[in-house]
């Protein structure tokens, strides 16, 4: 069982009831939001909770309409991942 989501991560998941999020079930949502909006502290936590493979999969098979183009491009370079086809992205 993974530990609960820390308080300093909650601002990046503002539209979710964090106490009901499950790190395994909701990992795509958590990873996407933190990579889009998170601080250094938040991304450090993210890389401790999830493997690079799990994070890379979120870039290669992104949630449609949820990624900021600049964030997606940045993290795809950092993680050597090919961003998946997006139908909608935010600017």
PDB file of N, CA and C in Angstrom:
ATOM      1  N   UNK A   1       0.846  -1.193   0.000  1.00  0.00           N
ATOM      2  CA  UNK A   1       0.000   0.000   0.000  1.00  0.00           C
ATOM      3  C   UNK A   1       0.882   1.244   0.000  1.00  0.00           C
ATOM      4  N   UNK A   2       0.586   2.154  -0.906  1.00  0.00           N
ATOM      5  CA  UNK A   2       1.351   3.389  -0.992  1.00  0.00           C
ATOM      6  C   UNK A   2       0.831   4.377   0.052  1.00  0.00           C
ATOM      7  N   UNK A   3       1.716   5.265   0.524  1.00  0.00           N
ATOM      8  CA  UNK A   3       1.311   6.235   1.551  1.00  0.00           C
ATOM      9  C   UNK A   3       0.285   7.234   1.015  1.00  0.00           C
ATOM     10  N   UNK A   4      -0.402   7.935   1.923  1.00  0.00           N
ATOM     11  CA  UNK A   4      -1.388   8.930   1.476  1.00  0.00           C
ATOM     12  C   UNK A   4      -0.705  10.099   0.758  1.00  0.00           C
ATOM     13  N   UNK A   5      -1.495  10.825   0.014  1.00  0.00           N
ATOM     14  CA  UNK A   5      -0.979  11.982  -0.720  1.00  0.00           C
ATOM     15  C   UNK A   5      -0.707  13.110   0.269  1.00  0.00           C
ATOM     16  N   UNK A   6       0.520  13.655   0.268  1.00  0.00           N
ATOM     17  CA  UNK A   6       0.857  14.713   1.223  1.00  0.00           C
ATOM     18  C   UNK A   6       0.090  16.018   0.969  1.00  0.00           C
ATOM     19  N   UNK A   7       0.024  16.821   1.992  1.00  0.00           N
ATOM     20  CA  UNK A   7      -0.691  18.100   1.940  1.00  0.00           C
ATOM     21  C   UNK A   7      -0.162  19.005   0.823  1.00  0.00           C
ATOM     22  N   UNK A   8       1.152  19.043   0.617  1.00  0.00           N
ATOM     23  CA  UNK A   8       1.722  19.963  -0.377  1.00  0.00           C
ATOM     24  C   UNK A   8       1.427  19.539  -1.824  1.00  0.00           C
ATOM     25  N   UNK A   9       0.873  18.364  -2.022  1.00  0.00           N
ATOM     26  CA  UNK A   9       0.488  17.898  -3.364  1.00  0.00           C
ATOM     27  C   UNK A   9      -0.953  18.311  -3.688  1.00  0.00           C
ATOM     28  N   UNK A  10      -1.747  18.525  -2.680  1.00  0.00           N
ATOM     29  CA  UNK A  10      -3.179  18.786  -2.853  1.00  0.00           C
ATOM     30  C   UNK A  10      -3.525  19.971  -3.761  1.00  0.00           C
ATOM     31  N   UNK A  11      -2.748  21.069  -3.758  1.00  0.00           N
ATOM     32  CA  UNK A  11      -3.097  22.176  -4.660  1.00  0.00           C
ATOM     33  C   UNK A  11      -3.078  21.793  -6.145  1.00  0.00           C
ATOM     34  N   UNK A  12      -2.339  20.765  -6.498  1.00  0.00           N
ATOM     35  CA  UNK A  12      -2.241  20.361  -7.901  1.00  0.00           C
ATOM     36  C   UNK A  12      -3.336  19.369  -8.289  1.00  0.00           C
ATOM     37  N   UNK A  13      -4.119  18.991  -7.308  1.00  0.00           N
ATOM     38  CA  UNK A  13      -5.264  18.097  -7.522  1.00  0.00           C
ATOM     39  C   UNK A  13      -6.519  18.777  -6.974  1.00  0.00           C
ATOM     40  N   UNK A  14      -6.608  20.090  -7.187  1.00  0.00           N
ATOM     41  CA  UNK A  14      -7.626  20.937  -6.571  1.00  0.00           C
ATOM     42  C   UNK A  14      -9.060  20.503  -6.841  1.00  0.00           C
ATOM     43  N   UNK A  15      -9.320  19.880  -7.965  1.00  0.00           N
ATOM     44  CA  UNK A  15     -10.713  19.544  -8.276  1.00  0.00           C
ATOM     45  C   UNK A  15     -11.099  18.126  -7.853  1.00  0.00           C
ATOM     46  N   UNK A  16     -10.247  17.510  -7.048  1.00  0.00           N
ATOM     47  CA  UNK A  16     -10.500  16.138  -6.602  1.00  0.00           C
ATOM     48  C   UNK A  16     -10.509  16.065  -5.090  1.00  0.00           C
ATOM     49  N   UNK A  17     -11.277  15.138  -4.566  1.00  0.00           N
ATOM     50  CA  UNK A  17     -11.242  14.855  -3.140  1.00  0.00           C
ATOM     51  C   UNK A  17     -10.042  13.936  -2.930  1.00  0.00           C
ATOM     52  N   UNK A  18      -8.943  14.516  -2.477  1.00  0.00           N
ATOM     53  CA  UNK A  18      -7.671  13.796  -2.388  1.00  0.00           C
ATOM     54  C   UNK A  18      -7.766  12.586  -1.468  1.00  0.00           C
ATOM     55  N   UNK A  19      -8.587  12.669  -0.450  1.00  0.00           N
ATOM     56  CA  UNK A  19      -8.713  11.532   0.466  1.00  0.00           C
ATOM     57  C   UNK A  19      -9.341  10.313  -0.222  1.00  0.00           C
ATOM     58  N   UNK A  20     -10.011  10.530  -1.350  1.00  0.00           N
ATOM     59  CA  UNK A  20     -10.618   9.419  -2.085  1.00  0.00           C
ATOM     60  C   UNK A  20      -9.776   8.931  -3.260  1.00  0.00           C
ATOM     61  N   UNK A  21      -8.685   9.647  -3.557  1.00  0.00           N
ATOM     62  CA  UNK A  21      -7.819   9.217  -4.651  1.00  0.00           C
ATOM     63  C   UNK A  21      -6.975   8.029  -4.214  1.00  0.00           C
ATOM     64  N   UNK A  22      -6.786   7.122  -5.127  1.00  0.00           N
ATOM     65  CA  UNK A  22      -5.948   5.952  -4.888  1.00  0.00           C
ATOM     66  C   UNK A  22      -4.725   6.075  -5.800  1.00  0.00           C
ATOM     67  N   UNK A  23      -3.524   5.947  -5.228  1.00  0.00           N
ATOM     68  CA  UNK A  23      -2.315   6.144  -6.018  1.00  0.00           C
ATOM     69  C   UNK A  23      -2.203   5.173  -7.189  1.00  0.00           C
ATOM     70  N   UNK A  24      -2.717   4.003  -7.054  1.00  0.00           N
ATOM     71  CA  UNK A  24      -2.655   3.041  -8.164  1.00  0.00           C
ATOM     72  C   UNK A  24      -3.784   3.286  -9.165  1.00  0.00           C
ATOM     73  N   UNK A  25      -4.989   3.356  -8.694  1.00  0.00           N
ATOM     74  CA  UNK A  25      -6.155   3.522  -9.573  1.00  0.00           C
ATOM     75  C   UNK A  25      -6.127   4.859 -10.318  1.00  0.00           C
ATOM     76  N   UNK A  26      -5.695   5.919  -9.634  1.00  0.00           N
ATOM     77  CA  UNK A  26      -5.747   7.274 -10.191  1.00  0.00           C
ATOM     78  C   UNK A  26      -4.379   7.805 -10.600  1.00  0.00           C
ATOM     79  N   UNK A  27      -3.426   6.910 -10.823  1.00  0.00           N
ATOM     80  CA  UNK A  27      -2.059   7.364 -11.082  1.00  0.00           C
ATOM     81  C   UNK A  27      -1.943   8.241 -12.324  1.00  0.00           C
ATOM     82  N   UNK A  28      -2.710   7.958 -13.361  1.00  0.00           N
ATOM     83  CA  UNK A  28      -2.621   8.763 -14.577  1.00  0.00           C
ATOM     84  C   UNK A  28      -3.037  10.209 -14.305  1.00  0.00           C
ATOM     85  N   UNK A  29      -4.109  10.377 -13.548  1.00  0.00           N
ATOM     86  CA  UNK A  29      -4.584  11.716 -13.189  1.00  0.00           C
ATOM     87  C   UNK A  29      -3.552  12.431 -12.310  1.00  0.00           C
ATOM     88  N   UNK A  30      -3.030  11.745 -11.310  1.00  0.00           N
ATOM     89  CA  UNK A  30      -2.066  12.331 -10.378  1.00  0.00           C
ATOM     90  C   UNK A  30      -0.792  12.732 -11.117  1.00  0.00           C
ATOM     91  N   UNK A  31      -0.268  11.830 -11.921  1.00  0.00           N
ATOM     92  CA  UNK A  31       0.963  12.108 -12.667  1.00  0.00           C
ATOM     93  C   UNK A  31       0.754  13.276 -13.617  1.00  0.00           C
ATOM     94  N   UNK A  32      -0.336  13.262 -14.358  1.00  0.00           N
ATOM     95  CA  UNK A  32      -0.618  14.328 -15.321  1.00  0.00           C
ATOM     96  C   UNK A  32      -0.701  15.687 -14.639  1.00  0.00           C
ATOM     97  N   UNK A  33      -1.456  15.779 -13.561  1.00  0.00           N
ATOM     98  CA  UNK A  33      -1.612  17.070 -12.885  1.00  0.00           C
ATOM     99  C   UNK A  33      -0.303  17.572 -12.295  1.00  0.00           C
ATOM    100  N   UNK A  34       0.461  16.692 -11.685  1.00  0.00           N
ATOM    101  CA  UNK A  34       1.714  17.141 -11.075  1.00  0.00           C
ATOM    102  C   UNK A  34       2.723  17.550 -12.144  1.00  0.00           C
ATOM    103  N   UNK A  35       2.815  16.813 -13.232  1.00  0.00           N
ATOM    104  CA  UNK A  35       3.753  17.206 -14.287  1.00  0.00           C
ATOM    105  C   UNK A  35       3.311  18.491 -14.980  1.00  0.00           C
ATOM    106  N   UNK A  36       2.031  18.744 -15.053  1.00  0.00           N
ATOM    107  CA  UNK A  36       1.534  19.983 -15.652  1.00  0.00           C
ATOM    108  C   UNK A  36       1.698  21.191 -14.735  1.00  0.00           C
ATOM    109  N   UNK A  37       1.410  21.025 -13.450  1.00  0.00           N
ATOM    110  CA  UNK A  37       1.285  22.173 -12.554  1.00  0.00           C
ATOM    111  C   UNK A  37       2.192  22.145 -11.329  1.00  0.00           C
ATOM    112  N   UNK A  38       2.841  21.037 -11.082  1.00  0.00           N
ATOM    113  CA  UNK A  38       3.560  20.847  -9.826  1.00  0.00           C
ATOM    114  C   UNK A  38       4.846  21.639  -9.673  1.00  0.00           C
ATOM    115  N   UNK A  39       5.246  21.769  -8.440  1.00  0.00           N
ATOM    116  CA  UNK A  39       6.508  22.404  -8.070  1.00  0.00           C
ATOM    117  C   UNK A  39       7.621  21.357  -8.088  1.00  0.00           C
ATOM    118  N   UNK A  40       8.830  21.799  -7.844  1.00  0.00           N
ATOM    119  CA  UNK A  40       9.965  20.867  -7.739  1.00  0.00           C
ATOM    120  C   UNK A  40       9.704  19.859  -6.627  1.00  0.00           C
ATOM    121  N   UNK A  41       9.221  20.335  -5.503  1.00  0.00           N
ATOM    122  CA  UNK A  41       8.919  19.447  -4.374  1.00  0.00           C
ATOM    123  C   UNK A  41       7.880  18.391  -4.783  1.00  0.00           C
ATOM    124  N   UNK A  42       6.871  18.815  -5.514  1.00  0.00           N
ATOM    125  CA  UNK A  42       5.820  17.889  -5.945  1.00  0.00           C
ATOM    126  C   UNK A  42       6.354  16.860  -6.941  1.00  0.00           C
ATOM    127  N   UNK A  43       7.174  17.300  -7.886  1.00  0.00           N
ATOM    128  CA  UNK A  43       7.717  16.339  -8.853  1.00  0.00           C
ATOM    129  C   UNK A  43       8.718  15.396  -8.194  1.00  0.00           C
ATOM    130  N   UNK A  44       9.456  15.872  -7.204  1.00  0.00           N
ATOM    131  CA  UNK A  44      10.349  14.971  -6.450  1.00  0.00           C
ATOM    132  C   UNK A  44       9.534  13.866  -5.785  1.00  0.00           C
ATOM    133  N   UNK A  45       8.424  14.235  -5.165  1.00  0.00           N
ATOM    134  CA  UNK A  45       7.541  13.248  -4.534  1.00  0.00           C
ATOM    135  C   UNK A  45       7.013  12.265  -5.581  1.00  0.00           C
ATOM    136  N   UNK A  46       6.599  12.804  -6.729  1.00  0.00           N
ATOM    137  CA  UNK A  46       6.049  11.975  -7.802  1.00  0.00           C
ATOM    138  C   UNK A  46       7.033  10.886  -8.229  1.00  0.00           C
ATOM    139  N   UNK A  47       8.303  11.265  -8.395  1.00  0.00           N
ATOM    140  CA  UNK A  47       9.307  10.304  -8.846  1.00  0.00           C
ATOM    141  C   UNK A  47       9.671   9.296  -7.760  1.00  0.00           C
ATOM    142  N   UNK A  48       9.329   9.582  -6.525  1.00  0.00           N
ATOM    143  CA  UNK A  48       9.513   8.595  -5.454  1.00  0.00           C
ATOM    144  C   UNK A  48       8.346   7.607  -5.400  1.00  0.00           C
ATOM    145  N   UNK A  49       7.175   8.046  -5.833  1.00  0.00           N
ATOM    146  CA  UNK A  49       5.970   7.213  -5.752  1.00  0.00           C
ATOM    147  C   UNK A  49       5.782   6.306  -6.961  1.00  0.00           C
ATOM    148  N   UNK A  50       6.197   6.786  -8.116  1.00  0.00           N
ATOM    149  CA  UNK A  50       5.950   6.071  -9.364  1.00  0.00           C
ATOM    150  C   UNK A  50       7.261   5.819 -10.095  1.00  0.00           C
ATOM    151  N   UNK A  51       7.303   4.738 -10.845  1.00  0.00           N
ATOM    152  CA  UNK A  51       8.501   4.429 -11.625  1.00  0.00           C
ATOM    153  C   UNK A  51       8.554   5.338 -12.848  1.00  0.00           C
ATOM    154  N   UNK A  52       9.743   5.473 -13.415  1.00  0.00           N
ATOM    155  CA  UNK A  52       9.865   6.259 -14.646  1.00  0.00           C
ATOM    156  C   UNK A  52       9.023   5.633 -15.752  1.00  0.00           C
ATOM    157  N   UNK A  53       8.915   4.327 -15.743  1.00  0.00           N
ATOM    158  CA  UNK A  53       8.100   3.641 -16.749  1.00  0.00           C
ATOM    159  C   UNK A  53       6.633   4.058 -16.626  1.00  0.00           C
ATOM    160  N   UNK A  54       6.107   4.103 -15.399  1.00  0.00           N
ATOM    161  CA  UNK A  54       4.712   4.514 -15.188  1.00  0.00           C
ATOM    162  C   UNK A  54       4.505   5.963 -15.628  1.00  0.00           C
ATOM    163  N   UNK A  55       5.465   6.811 -15.310  1.00  0.00           N
ATOM    164  CA  UNK A  55       5.368   8.227 -15.674  1.00  0.00           C
ATOM    165  C   UNK A  55       5.467   8.380 -17.191  1.00  0.00           C
ATOM    166  N   UNK A  56       6.406   7.669 -17.789  1.00  0.00           N
ATOM    167  CA  UNK A  56       6.584   7.708 -19.243  1.00  0.00           C
ATOM    168  C   UNK A  56       5.299   7.257 -19.956  1.00  0.00           C
ATOM    169  N   UNK A  57       4.626   6.255 -19.430  1.00  0.00           N
ATOM    170  CA  UNK A  57       3.373   5.772 -20.034  1.00  0.00           C
ATOM    171  C   UNK A  57       2.298   6.859 -20.062  1.00  0.00           C
ATOM    172  N   UNK A  58       2.304   7.738 -19.067  1.00  0.00           N
ATOM    173  CA  UNK A  58       1.327   8.838 -19.034  1.00  0.00           C
ATOM    174  C   UNK A  58       1.606   9.865 -20.121  1.00  0.00           C
ATOM    175  N   UNK A  59       2.852   9.949 -20.542  1.00  0.00           N
ATOM    176  CA  UNK A  59       3.223  10.854 -21.630  1.00  0.00           C
ATOM    177  C   UNK A  59       2.923  10.197 -22.975  1.00  0.00           C
ATOM    178  N   UNK A  60       3.213   8.917 -23.063  1.00  0.00           N
ATOM    179  CA  UNK A  60       3.019   8.206 -24.323  1.00  0.00           C
ATOM    180  C   UNK A  60       1.549   7.897 -24.605  1.00  0.00           C
ATOM    181  N   UNK A  61       0.749   7.795 -23.551  1.00  0.00           N
ATOM    182  CA  UNK A  61      -0.703   7.571 -23.685  1.00  0.00           C
ATOM    183  C   UNK A  61      -1.418   8.606 -22.817  1.00  0.00           C
ATOM    184  N   UNK A  62      -1.344   9.881 -23.232  1.00  0.00           N
ATOM    185  CA  UNK A  62      -1.857  10.965 -22.388  1.00  0.00           C
ATOM    186  C   UNK A  62      -3.378  11.012 -22.301  1.00  0.00           C
ATOM    187  N   UNK A  63      -3.839  11.618 -21.209  1.00  0.00           N
ATOM    188  CA  UNK A  63      -5.270  11.889 -21.066  1.00  0.00           C
ATOM    189  C   UNK A  63      -5.620  13.012 -22.042  1.00  0.00           C
ATOM    190  N   UNK A  64      -6.562  12.798 -22.958  1.00  0.00           N
ATOM    191  CA  UNK A  64      -6.902  13.830 -23.946  1.00  0.00           C
ATOM    192  C   UNK A  64      -7.394  15.117 -23.290  1.00  0.00           C
ATOM    193  N   UNK A  65      -6.869  16.225 -23.768  1.00  0.00           N
ATOM    194  CA  UNK A  65      -7.307  17.524 -23.300  1.00  0.00           C
ATOM    195  C   UNK A  65      -6.784  17.948 -21.947  1.00  0.00           C
ATOM    196  N   UNK A  66      -5.920  17.165 -21.344  1.00  0.00           N
ATOM    197  CA  UNK A  66      -5.456  17.462 -19.991  1.00  0.00           C
ATOM    198  C   UNK A  66      -4.038  18.019 -19.942  1.00  0.00           C
ATOM    199  N   UNK A  67      -3.286  17.868 -21.005  1.00  0.00           N
ATOM    200  CA  UNK A  67      -1.884  18.278 -20.990  1.00  0.00           C
ATOM    201  C   UNK A  67      -1.696  19.681 -21.549  1.00  0.00           C
ATOM    202  N   UNK A  68      -0.861  20.445 -20.901  1.00  0.00           N
ATOM    203  CA  UNK A  68      -0.355  21.697 -21.429  1.00  0.00           C
ATOM    204  C   UNK A  68       0.722  21.309 -22.439  1.00  0.00           C
ATOM    205  N   UNK A  69       0.683  21.855 -23.650  1.00  0.00           N
ATOM    206  CA  UNK A  69       1.632  21.466 -24.703  1.00  0.00           C
ATOM    207  C   UNK A  69       3.083  21.628 -24.258  1.00  0.00           C
ATOM    208  N   UNK A  70       3.373  22.733 -23.593  1.00  0.00           N
ATOM    209  CA  UNK A  70       4.757  22.979 -23.164  1.00  0.00           C
ATOM    210  C   UNK A  70       5.196  21.961 -22.119  1.00  0.00           C
ATOM    211  N   UNK A  71       4.313  21.638 -21.205  1.00  0.00           N
ATOM    212  CA  UNK A  71       4.644  20.633 -20.185  1.00  0.00           C
ATOM    213  C   UNK A  71       4.860  19.270 -20.822  1.00  0.00           C
ATOM    214  N   UNK A  72       3.983  18.900 -21.735  1.00  0.00           N
ATOM    215  CA  UNK A  72       4.110  17.605 -22.398  1.00  0.00           C
ATOM    216  C   UNK A  72       5.430  17.517 -23.164  1.00  0.00           C
ATOM    217  N   UNK A  73       5.777  18.566 -23.893  1.00  0.00           N
ATOM    218  CA  UNK A  73       7.041  18.567 -24.634  1.00  0.00           C
ATOM    219  C   UNK A  73       8.239  18.517 -23.693  1.00  0.00           C
ATOM    220  N   UNK A  74       8.196  19.285 -22.620  1.00  0.00           N
ATOM    221  CA  UNK A  74       9.293  19.306 -21.651  1.00  0.00           C
ATOM    222  C   UNK A  74       9.526  17.921 -21.054  1.00  0.00           C
ATOM    223  N   UNK A  75       8.472  17.318 -20.518  1.00  0.00           N
ATOM    224  CA  UNK A  75       8.618  16.027 -19.851  1.00  0.00           C
ATOM    225  C   UNK A  75       8.935  14.910 -20.832  1.00  0.00           C
ATOM    226  N   UNK A  76       8.487  15.026 -22.064  1.00  0.00           N
ATOM    227  CA  UNK A  76       8.845  14.000 -23.044  1.00  0.00           C
ATOM    228  C   UNK A  76      10.343  14.049 -23.336  1.00  0.00           C
ATOM    229  N   UNK A  77      10.930  15.230 -23.331  1.00  0.00           N
ATOM    230  CA  UNK A  77      12.384  15.351 -23.508  1.00  0.00           C
ATOM    231  C   UNK A  77      13.131  14.820 -22.287  1.00  0.00           C
ATOM    232  N   UNK A  78      12.681  15.178 -21.108  1.00  0.00           N
ATOM    233  CA  UNK A  78      13.338  14.751 -19.868  1.00  0.00           C
ATOM    234  C   UNK A  78      13.298  13.230 -19.730  1.00  0.00           C
ATOM    235  N   UNK A  79      12.177  12.628 -20.068  1.00  0.00           N
ATOM    236  CA  UNK A  79      11.993  11.187 -19.859  1.00  0.00           C
ATOM    237  C   UNK A  79      12.218  10.353 -21.118  1.00  0.00           C
ATOM    238  N   UNK A  80      12.666  11.023 -22.183  1.00  0.00           N
ATOM    239  CA  UNK A  80      12.932  10.327 -23.440  1.00  0.00           C
ATOM    240  C   UNK A  80      11.711   9.499 -23.866  1.00  0.00           C
ATOM    241  N   UNK A  81      10.577  10.168 -23.880  1.00  0.00           N
ATOM    242  CA  UNK A  81       9.314   9.514 -24.235  1.00  0.00           C
ATOM    243  C   UNK A  81       8.718  10.206 -25.453  1.00  0.00           C
ATOM    244  N   UNK A  82       8.060   9.447 -26.277  1.00  0.00           N
ATOM    245  CA  UNK A  82       7.391  10.018 -27.444  1.00  0.00           C
ATOM    246  C   UNK A  82       5.950  10.323 -27.056  1.00  0.00           C
ATOM    247  N   UNK A  83       5.588  11.616 -27.043  1.00  0.00           N
ATOM    248  CA  UNK A  83       4.217  11.960 -26.647  1.00  0.00           C
ATOM    249  C   UNK A  83       3.195  11.313 -27.571  1.00  0.00           C
ATOM    250  N   UNK A  84       2.150  10.805 -26.959  1.00  0.00           N
ATOM    251  CA  UNK A  84       1.076  10.185 -27.724  1.00  0.00           C
ATOM    252  C   UNK A  84       0.252  11.221 -28.457  1.00  0.00           C
ATOM    253  N   UNK A  85      -0.585  10.760 -29.334  1.00  0.00           N
ATOM    254  CA  UNK A  85      -1.451  11.625 -30.115  1.00  0.00           C
ATOM    255  C   UNK A  85      -2.526  12.228 -29.216  1.00  0.00           C
ATOM    256  N   UNK A  86      -2.593  13.537 -29.227  1.00  0.00           N
ATOM    257  CA  UNK A  86      -3.597  14.242 -28.424  1.00  0.00           C
ATOM    258  C   UNK A  86      -4.637  14.839 -29.345  1.00  0.00           C
ATOM    259  N   UNK A  87      -5.868  14.694 -28.974  1.00  0.00           N
ATOM    260  CA  UNK A  87      -6.930  15.330 -29.748  1.00  0.00           C
ATOM    261  C   UNK A  87      -7.131  16.762 -29.282  1.00  0.00           C
ATOM    262  N   UNK A  88      -6.943  16.971 -27.984  1.00  0.00           N
ATOM    263  CA  UNK A  88      -7.078  18.319 -27.426  1.00  0.00           C
ATOM    264  C   UNK A  88      -5.927  18.530 -26.452  1.00  0.00           C
ATOM    265  N   UNK A  89      -5.324  19.699 -26.491  1.00  0.00           N
ATOM    266  CA  UNK A  89      -4.363  20.102 -25.472  1.00  0.00           C
ATOM    267  C   UNK A  89      -4.666  21.534 -25.098  1.00  0.00           C
ATOM    268  N   UNK A  90      -4.177  21.967 -23.963  1.00  0.00           N
ATOM    269  CA  UNK A  90      -4.341  23.354 -23.559  1.00  0.00           C
ATOM    270  C   UNK A  90      -3.063  24.095 -23.896  1.00  0.00           C
ATOM    271  N   UNK A  91      -3.151  25.392 -24.073  1.00  0.00           N
ATOM    272  CA  UNK A  91      -1.975  26.171 -24.475  1.00  0.00           C
ATOM    273  C   UNK A  91      -1.046  26.475 -23.349  1.00  0.00           C
TER     274      UNK A  91
END
